[in-house]
Amino acid sequence: MSIFRVILAIIFPPLAVLGKGCGSIIIVFLLTLCGWVPGVVAALIILNKD
């Protein structure tokens, strides 16, 4: 997980998980619509996985 991805996850979470697959993008996007914090947390969790 690079510092660029972390900053991108804080600014716009769905864009940060772009390389992790379509399902991840949709989940993070929906969580971001519900609230910014859940989207950021989900993006950081997805980025932290191998």
PDB file of N, CA and C in Angstrom:
ATOM      1  N   MET A   1       0.865  -1.171   0.000  1.00  0.00           N
ATOM      2  CA  MET A   1       0.000   0.000   0.000  1.00  0.00           C
ATOM      3  C   MET A   1       0.909   1.232   0.000  1.00  0.00           C
ATOM      4  N   SER A   2       0.834   1.999  -1.055  1.00  0.00           N
ATOM      5  CA  SER A   2       1.687   3.173  -1.175  1.00  0.00           C
ATOM      6  C   SER A   2       1.011   4.395  -0.552  1.00  0.00           C
ATOM      7  N   ILE A   3       1.793   5.394  -0.278  1.00  0.00           N
ATOM      8  CA  ILE A   3       1.276   6.624   0.321  1.00  0.00           C
ATOM      9  C   ILE A   3       0.333   7.331  -0.653  1.00  0.00           C
ATOM     10  N   PHE A   4       0.585   7.178  -1.953  1.00  0.00           N
ATOM     11  CA  PHE A   4      -0.296   7.770  -2.959  1.00  0.00           C
ATOM     12  C   PHE A   4      -1.688   7.163  -2.880  1.00  0.00           C
ATOM     13  N   ARG A   5      -1.764   5.840  -2.727  1.00  0.00           N
ATOM     14  CA  ARG A   5      -3.062   5.171  -2.613  1.00  0.00           C
ATOM     15  C   ARG A   5      -3.786   5.568  -1.341  1.00  0.00           C
ATOM     16  N   VAL A   6      -3.068   5.751  -0.259  1.00  0.00           N
ATOM     17  CA  VAL A   6      -3.690   6.162   0.998  1.00  0.00           C
ATOM     18  C   VAL A   6      -4.285   7.559   0.871  1.00  0.00           C
ATOM     19  N   ILE A   7      -3.539   8.468   0.282  1.00  0.00           N
ATOM     20  CA  ILE A   7      -4.043   9.827   0.083  1.00  0.00           C
ATOM     21  C   ILE A   7      -5.244   9.817  -0.854  1.00  0.00           C
ATOM     22  N   LEU A   8      -5.171   9.010  -1.896  1.00  0.00           N
ATOM     23  CA  LEU A   8      -6.282   8.890  -2.829  1.00  0.00           C
ATOM     24  C   LEU A   8      -7.511   8.278  -2.151  1.00  0.00           C
ATOM     25  N   ALA A   9      -7.293   7.329  -1.243  1.00  0.00           N
ATOM     26  CA  ALA A   9      -8.405   6.724  -0.508  1.00  0.00           C
ATOM     27  C   ALA A   9      -9.074   7.729   0.411  1.00  0.00           C
ATOM     28  N   ILE A  10      -8.332   8.673   0.917  1.00  0.00           N
ATOM     29  CA  ILE A  10      -8.905   9.695   1.792  1.00  0.00           C
ATOM     30  C   ILE A  10      -9.661  10.735   0.968  1.00  0.00           C
ATOM     31  N   ILE A  11      -9.132  11.087  -0.186  1.00  0.00           N
ATOM     32  CA  ILE A  11      -9.774  12.117  -1.016  1.00  0.00           C
ATOM     33  C   ILE A  11     -10.979  11.552  -1.764  1.00  0.00           C
ATOM     34  N   PHE A  12     -10.793  10.456  -2.495  1.00  0.00           N
ATOM     35  CA  PHE A  12     -11.881   9.847  -3.278  1.00  0.00           C
ATOM     36  C   PHE A  12     -11.723   8.330  -3.231  1.00  0.00           C
ATOM     37  N   PRO A  13     -12.362   7.679  -2.262  1.00  0.00           N
ATOM     38  CA  PRO A  13     -12.149   6.245  -2.019  1.00  0.00           C
ATOM     39  C   PRO A  13     -12.365   5.316  -3.216  1.00  0.00           C
ATOM     40  N   PRO A  14     -13.418   5.475  -4.041  1.00  0.00           N
ATOM     41  CA  PRO A  14     -13.584   4.519  -5.143  1.00  0.00           C
ATOM     42  C   PRO A  14     -12.433   4.526  -6.150  1.00  0.00           C
ATOM     43  N   LEU A  15     -11.819   5.652  -6.342  1.00  0.00           N
ATOM     44  CA  LEU A  15     -10.706   5.738  -7.283  1.00  0.00           C
ATOM     45  C   LEU A  15      -9.468   5.006  -6.755  1.00  0.00           C
ATOM     46  N   ALA A  16      -9.330   4.931  -5.448  1.00  0.00           N
ATOM     47  CA  ALA A  16      -8.163   4.277  -4.857  1.00  0.00           C
ATOM     48  C   ALA A  16      -8.194   2.766  -5.054  1.00  0.00           C
ATOM     49  N   VAL A  17      -9.390   2.171  -5.115  1.00  0.00           N
ATOM     50  CA  VAL A  17      -9.495   0.717  -5.257  1.00  0.00           C
ATOM     51  C   VAL A  17      -9.760   0.301  -6.704  1.00  0.00           C
ATOM     52  N   LEU A  18      -9.413   1.146  -7.627  1.00  0.00           N
ATOM     53  CA  LEU A  18      -9.682   0.900  -9.042  1.00  0.00           C
ATOM     54  C   LEU A  18      -9.046  -0.393  -9.540  1.00  0.00           C
ATOM     55  N   GLY A  19      -7.880  -0.723  -9.081  1.00  0.00           N
ATOM     56  CA  GLY A  19      -7.184  -1.922  -9.539  1.00  0.00           C
ATOM     57  C   GLY A  19      -7.558  -3.190  -8.809  1.00  0.00           C
ATOM     58  N   LYS A  20      -8.479  -3.126  -7.870  1.00  0.00           N
ATOM     59  CA  LYS A  20      -8.838  -4.294  -7.062  1.00  0.00           C
ATOM     60  C   LYS A  20     -10.055  -5.040  -7.577  1.00  0.00           C
ATOM     61  N   GLY A  21     -10.676  -4.573  -8.630  1.00  0.00           N
ATOM     62  CA  GLY A  21     -11.806  -5.288  -9.205  1.00  0.00           C
ATOM     63  C   GLY A  21     -13.096  -4.499  -9.132  1.00  0.00           C
ATOM     64  N   CYS A  22     -14.043  -4.933  -9.944  1.00  0.00           N
ATOM     65  CA  CYS A  22     -15.310  -4.221 -10.074  1.00  0.00           C
ATOM     66  C   CYS A  22     -16.135  -4.278  -8.788  1.00  0.00           C
ATOM     67  N   GLY A  23     -16.119  -5.422  -8.113  1.00  0.00           N
ATOM     68  CA  GLY A  23     -16.887  -5.569  -6.877  1.00  0.00           C
ATOM     69  C   GLY A  23     -16.417  -4.622  -5.792  1.00  0.00           C
ATOM     70  N   SER A  24     -15.128  -4.462  -5.679  1.00  0.00           N
ATOM     71  CA  SER A  24     -14.569  -3.557  -4.670  1.00  0.00           C
ATOM     72  C   SER A  24     -14.948  -2.112  -4.960  1.00  0.00           C
ATOM     73  N   ILE A  25     -14.921  -1.754  -6.222  1.00  0.00           N
ATOM     74  CA  ILE A  25     -15.267  -0.386  -6.600  1.00  0.00           C
ATOM     75  C   ILE A  25     -16.721  -0.095  -6.256  1.00  0.00           C
ATOM     76  N   ILE A  26     -17.601  -1.039  -6.557  1.00  0.00           N
ATOM     77  CA  ILE A  26     -19.027  -0.843  -6.292  1.00  0.00           C
ATOM     78  C   ILE A  26     -19.294  -0.753  -4.797  1.00  0.00           C
ATOM     79  N   ILE A  27     -18.683  -1.638  -4.021  1.00  0.00           N
ATOM     80  CA  ILE A  27     -18.884  -1.627  -2.563  1.00  0.00           C
ATOM     81  C   ILE A  27     -18.406  -0.311  -1.966  1.00  0.00           C
ATOM     82  N   VAL A  28     -17.213   0.109  -2.347  1.00  0.00           N
ATOM     83  CA  VAL A  28     -16.662   1.354  -1.804  1.00  0.00           C
ATOM     84  C   VAL A  28     -17.483   2.552  -2.267  1.00  0.00           C
ATOM     85  N   PHE A  29     -17.958   2.524  -3.495  1.00  0.00           N
ATOM     86  CA  PHE A  29     -18.779   3.625  -4.003  1.00  0.00           C
ATOM     87  C   PHE A  29     -20.087   3.731  -3.230  1.00  0.00           C
ATOM     88  N   LEU A  30     -20.738   2.604  -2.996  1.00  0.00           N
ATOM     89  CA  LEU A  30     -21.998   2.624  -2.235  1.00  0.00           C
ATOM     90  C   LEU A  30     -21.781   3.077  -0.795  1.00  0.00           C
ATOM     91  N   LEU A  31     -20.709   2.621  -0.190  1.00  0.00           N
ATOM     92  CA  LEU A  31     -20.410   3.066   1.171  1.00  0.00           C
ATOM     93  C   LEU A  31     -20.060   4.547   1.217  1.00  0.00           C
ATOM     94  N   THR A  32     -19.413   5.039   0.178  1.00  0.00           N
ATOM     95  CA  THR A  32     -19.098   6.466   0.112  1.00  0.00           C
ATOM     96  C   THR A  32     -20.364   7.291  -0.047  1.00  0.00           C
ATOM     97  N   LEU A  33     -21.345   6.766  -0.779  1.00  0.00           N
ATOM     98  CA  LEU A  33     -22.616   7.465  -0.903  1.00  0.00           C
ATOM     99  C   LEU A  33     -23.351   7.527   0.441  1.00  0.00           C
ATOM    100  N   CYS A  34     -23.213   6.477   1.235  1.00  0.00           N
ATOM    101  CA  CYS A  34     -23.846   6.466   2.564  1.00  0.00           C
ATOM    102  C   CYS A  34     -23.155   7.423   3.521  1.00  0.00           C
ATOM    103  N   GLY A  35     -21.897   7.604   3.342  1.00  0.00           N
ATOM    104  CA  GLY A  35     -21.114   8.499   4.199  1.00  0.00           C
ATOM    105  C   GLY A  35     -19.661   8.425   3.794  1.00  0.00           C
ATOM    106  N   TRP A  36     -18.972   9.514   3.950  1.00  0.00           N
ATOM    107  CA  TRP A  36     -17.587   9.566   3.501  1.00  0.00           C
ATOM    108  C   TRP A  36     -16.690   8.647   4.334  1.00  0.00           C
ATOM    109  N   VAL A  37     -16.908   8.624   5.640  1.00  0.00           N
ATOM    110  CA  VAL A  37     -16.047   7.838   6.531  1.00  0.00           C
ATOM    111  C   VAL A  37     -16.150   6.336   6.247  1.00  0.00           C
ATOM    112  N   PRO A  38     -17.351   5.762   6.089  1.00  0.00           N
ATOM    113  CA  PRO A  38     -17.388   4.324   5.767  1.00  0.00           C
ATOM    114  C   PRO A  38     -16.697   3.992   4.445  1.00  0.00           C
ATOM    115  N   GLY A  39     -16.779   4.872   3.478  1.00  0.00           N
ATOM    116  CA  GLY A  39     -16.089   4.650   2.212  1.00  0.00           C
ATOM    117  C   GLY A  39     -14.581   4.657   2.363  1.00  0.00           C
ATOM    118  N   VAL A  40     -14.077   5.573   3.166  1.00  0.00           N
ATOM    119  CA  VAL A  40     -12.631   5.655   3.400  1.00  0.00           C
ATOM    120  C   VAL A  40     -12.150   4.424   4.156  1.00  0.00           C
ATOM    121  N   VAL A  41     -12.895   4.020   5.177  1.00  0.00           N
ATOM    122  CA  VAL A  41     -12.504   2.845   5.960  1.00  0.00           C
ATOM    123  C   VAL A  41     -12.499   1.601   5.078  1.00  0.00           C
ATOM    124  N   ALA A  42     -13.532   1.420   4.269  1.00  0.00           N
ATOM    125  CA  ALA A  42     -13.596   0.253   3.380  1.00  0.00           C
ATOM    126  C   ALA A  42     -12.459   0.278   2.368  1.00  0.00           C
ATOM    127  N   ALA A  43     -12.161   1.429   1.819  1.00  0.00           N
ATOM    128  CA  ALA A  43     -11.067   1.529   0.848  1.00  0.00           C
ATOM    129  C   ALA A  43      -9.727   1.186   1.493  1.00  0.00           C
ATOM    130  N   LEU A  44      -9.497   1.662   2.700  1.00  0.00           N
ATOM    131  CA  LEU A  44      -8.238   1.351   3.382  1.00  0.00           C
ATOM    132  C   LEU A  44      -8.136  -0.126   3.725  1.00  0.00           C
ATOM    133  N   ILE A  45      -9.250  -0.746   4.099  1.00  0.00           N
ATOM    134  CA  ILE A  45      -9.243  -2.175   4.394  1.00  0.00           C
ATOM    135  C   ILE A  45      -8.957  -2.975   3.136  1.00  0.00           C
ATOM    136  N   ILE A  46      -9.586  -2.614   2.034  1.00  0.00           N
ATOM    137  CA  ILE A  46      -9.361  -3.323   0.767  1.00  0.00           C
ATOM    138  C   ILE A  46      -7.930  -3.130   0.285  1.00  0.00           C
ATOM    139  N   LEU A  47      -7.402  -1.931   0.440  1.00  0.00           N
ATOM    140  CA  LEU A  47      -6.024  -1.681   0.018  1.00  0.00           C
ATOM    141  C   LEU A  47      -5.016  -2.406   0.898  1.00  0.00           C
ATOM    142  N   ASN A  48      -5.374  -2.676   2.130  1.00  0.00           N
ATOM    143  CA  ASN A  48      -4.458  -3.335   3.059  1.00  0.00           C
ATOM    144  C   ASN A  48      -4.340  -4.832   2.795  1.00  0.00           C
ATOM    145  N   LYS A  49      -5.348  -5.427   2.130  1.00  0.00           N
ATOM    146  CA  LYS A  49      -5.286  -6.846   1.791  1.00  0.00           C
ATOM    147  C   LYS A  49      -4.268  -7.062   0.678  1.00  0.00           C
ATOM    148  N   ASP A  50      -3.713  -8.268   0.640  1.00  0.00           N
ATOM    149  CA  ASP A  50      -2.744  -8.600  -0.420  1.00  0.00           C
ATOM    150  C   ASP A  50      -3.393  -8.792  -1.745  1.00  0.00           C
TER     151      ASP A  50
END
